[in-house]
Amino acid sequence: MIPVILSGGSGTRLWPLSRGSYPKQFLPLVSKYTMVQETILRLNGIEGLQAPIAVCNENHRFMMAEQLREIDVNPASIILEPVGKNTAPAVTMAALAAKSPDDILLVLPADHVIEDQEAFQEAVVKAGVLAEQDFLVTFGVVPTAAETGYGYIKRSDESLSDAFRVAEFVEKPNAIVAQTYVDSGDYYWNSGMFAFKAGRYLDELEKFSPEMLIACQLAFSEAKVDVDFIRLDKSLFTRCPADSIDYAVMEKTDKAIVIPLDADWNDVGSWSALWEVRDKDEAGNVFSGDVLAVESENSFVCSKNKLVAVVGVKDLVIIDTDDAVMVASKDRVQEVKQVVTQLKAQQRSEADMHRKVLRPWGHYDSVDLGDRHKTKRIVVKPGAKLSVQKHHHRAEHWIVVKGTALVTKGDETILLSENESTYIPLGVIHCLENPGVIPLEMVEVQSGSYLGEDDIVRFEDKYGRS
C-alpha cells in the first residue's frame, strides 16, 4: 500500500493564516506538526506501507520536501502540478507513478484532522483487503450532525465485511435534507479518502474519462525527474480536463465500496471547524499566542506577534498576523473566502503572500516599504545559496547582522562578517551564499523605481527555479 498525499488545496477559508503561497496543510494548526506531517504520522504502525507519493503545487515543492524531511520520511516521489486540475488528475499521476498496477494507493488529503488513530488504522486495513479484491474503496465518515458543508455518500443494503456498496454520491444538502440523511442512518459524510489498486483505478478512468487519462499519460511521459521531484509538462498538463475523483470515476463505477469511519474526523475547512477540534478554556475560548481576555466566551483568538486584548466578545473569530487582522462572527466564517476573492480582484499581495516569505534557501521578511525603497530581514540557511541574478530597476545594500556572507558582485568575491556591508549597483550580476554553519542574518535595503519580486533575471539557481 502506497500513501498518496494530496496537497493541492489553498485553504482560503482559513485566511489570513492560510494563503496561496503557504496554505493550511503546511501549517501546525492542531499540534506541533503541520497537517501534512500529521497525515503521514497517523499511518505509523500499519504494516506493509511503502514510501509515500506526494502531489502538490509546483510552488510548494520545497515546503513539501522540507516538511517530509523534518519527520524523517523519504518519499517515493513528489509530483509537481504546474496548475491545479482537481483531485482526479492528481490521483491519476500517482497511479502512473506507482511501480506496479497491483500497488494499492491510499489516497489522503493533507488537511484532515483524525483524532482516533486506532479506528482510522483499522479502517485502512479493511480498505486494503477490499482493494485487493479490485474494489474502489472510499471512507464514509459517520455523521455526528446535519452538516451542510459536506457532500454525502449513500450506502446500499448490500454489505461486504463491514463495508457497503455505494448507492450514490450526493451534493452538499440544505439543513432540512441533511437532517433526513442523518436520521436515516444510510448516509455518510464524503471524506475524500480512497483506497484502490493503481491499475484498477486507471482501468475505470479509461472507461469513464478516457480524455483525462490520455492527457495525464502524455504529461507524465514528458515529465522531468529532478531528484525526488517529478515535474509535469505544463503545456500538456494544462490541456487535461479538471474534475474530482468523485465525478470522474467513483459516481460511475460499479466497483465503489464505502467503509464507515467513526474516528473523530474533521476536514478543518473553516475557523469554526478548527475551533471545534482545539482545546478550550472554561468559557469555551480557544486562544493562541499573546491573548488577554475579559468576560469573553466561545471565541477563537489568534495572535502571532503582538498582544491582542478582547473585552466582552462572544462567538467571534479574531486572527492577527504580521500584515492583516481578520474579525468574523463564528457562524459566518465560511464567507472569509469572499475576502480573499476581493483581495485578488484588487491585486493585493495579502491574498497569496505573508509578509514573511519562505524560500528554499531560507526566508525574508519585508519590514518596510516606500515609493522607492524596501527593507527586508533576510535569513539564509547554512550552506544555502541564492540564485546568480541581476535587477533592472533596483540597487541593493546588504548589512550582515549575524553569521558570514560570501558575496559575488560582478567579477569580485568578498567575505562579509557581522556589522560589515556592501552595495550592489543596479544591473550588476550578483549572488549571496552562506558558507558558515550558523544561519546568516542580514538586512537588505532596496532602492529604485520598481521593487517587485519579478524584477529578477536568474542566470544560475541550485534549486531549479527559472
Foldseek 3Di string as FASTA:
>chain_A
DAEEEEEEDQLLLPPPVGFALRHQQLDPLAHPAGLQLVQVVLLPPQPPYDQYEYEYAPSCVLSVVVSCVVVPGDHQAYEHAPDDQAAPLSLLLVLVVDPDLQDKYWYDYSQKDFAQSVLVSVLVVVQVVLQNVQFKEFEFELDPALDQVFKKWFFDPDDDDQKGFTPAIGHRDPSVVSVVQNVVSRMGTGRLIIIHGSNSLLVQLCVQPVQQSVLSVVQQVPWDDDPRYTYTDNVSNVPHHRDYCCVRGVRPDRRYMYHYGHGPMDSCSHPLSSLVSHDADPQSEDEADAEAEACEHNEYEYEDPDYDYYYNYYQWYWYYDPPDIDIDRNVCSVCSSVVLVVCVVVPHCSNHDDQWRADSQGIKGFDDDDQFKTKIKDKGAAFGKFFFKAFQWKKKKKAWQAAKKFKDWAPDTDIDHHGDIDIHDHPITMMIGHNDNHITIMMMMMGGNDDDPVRIDGDDDPVPDD
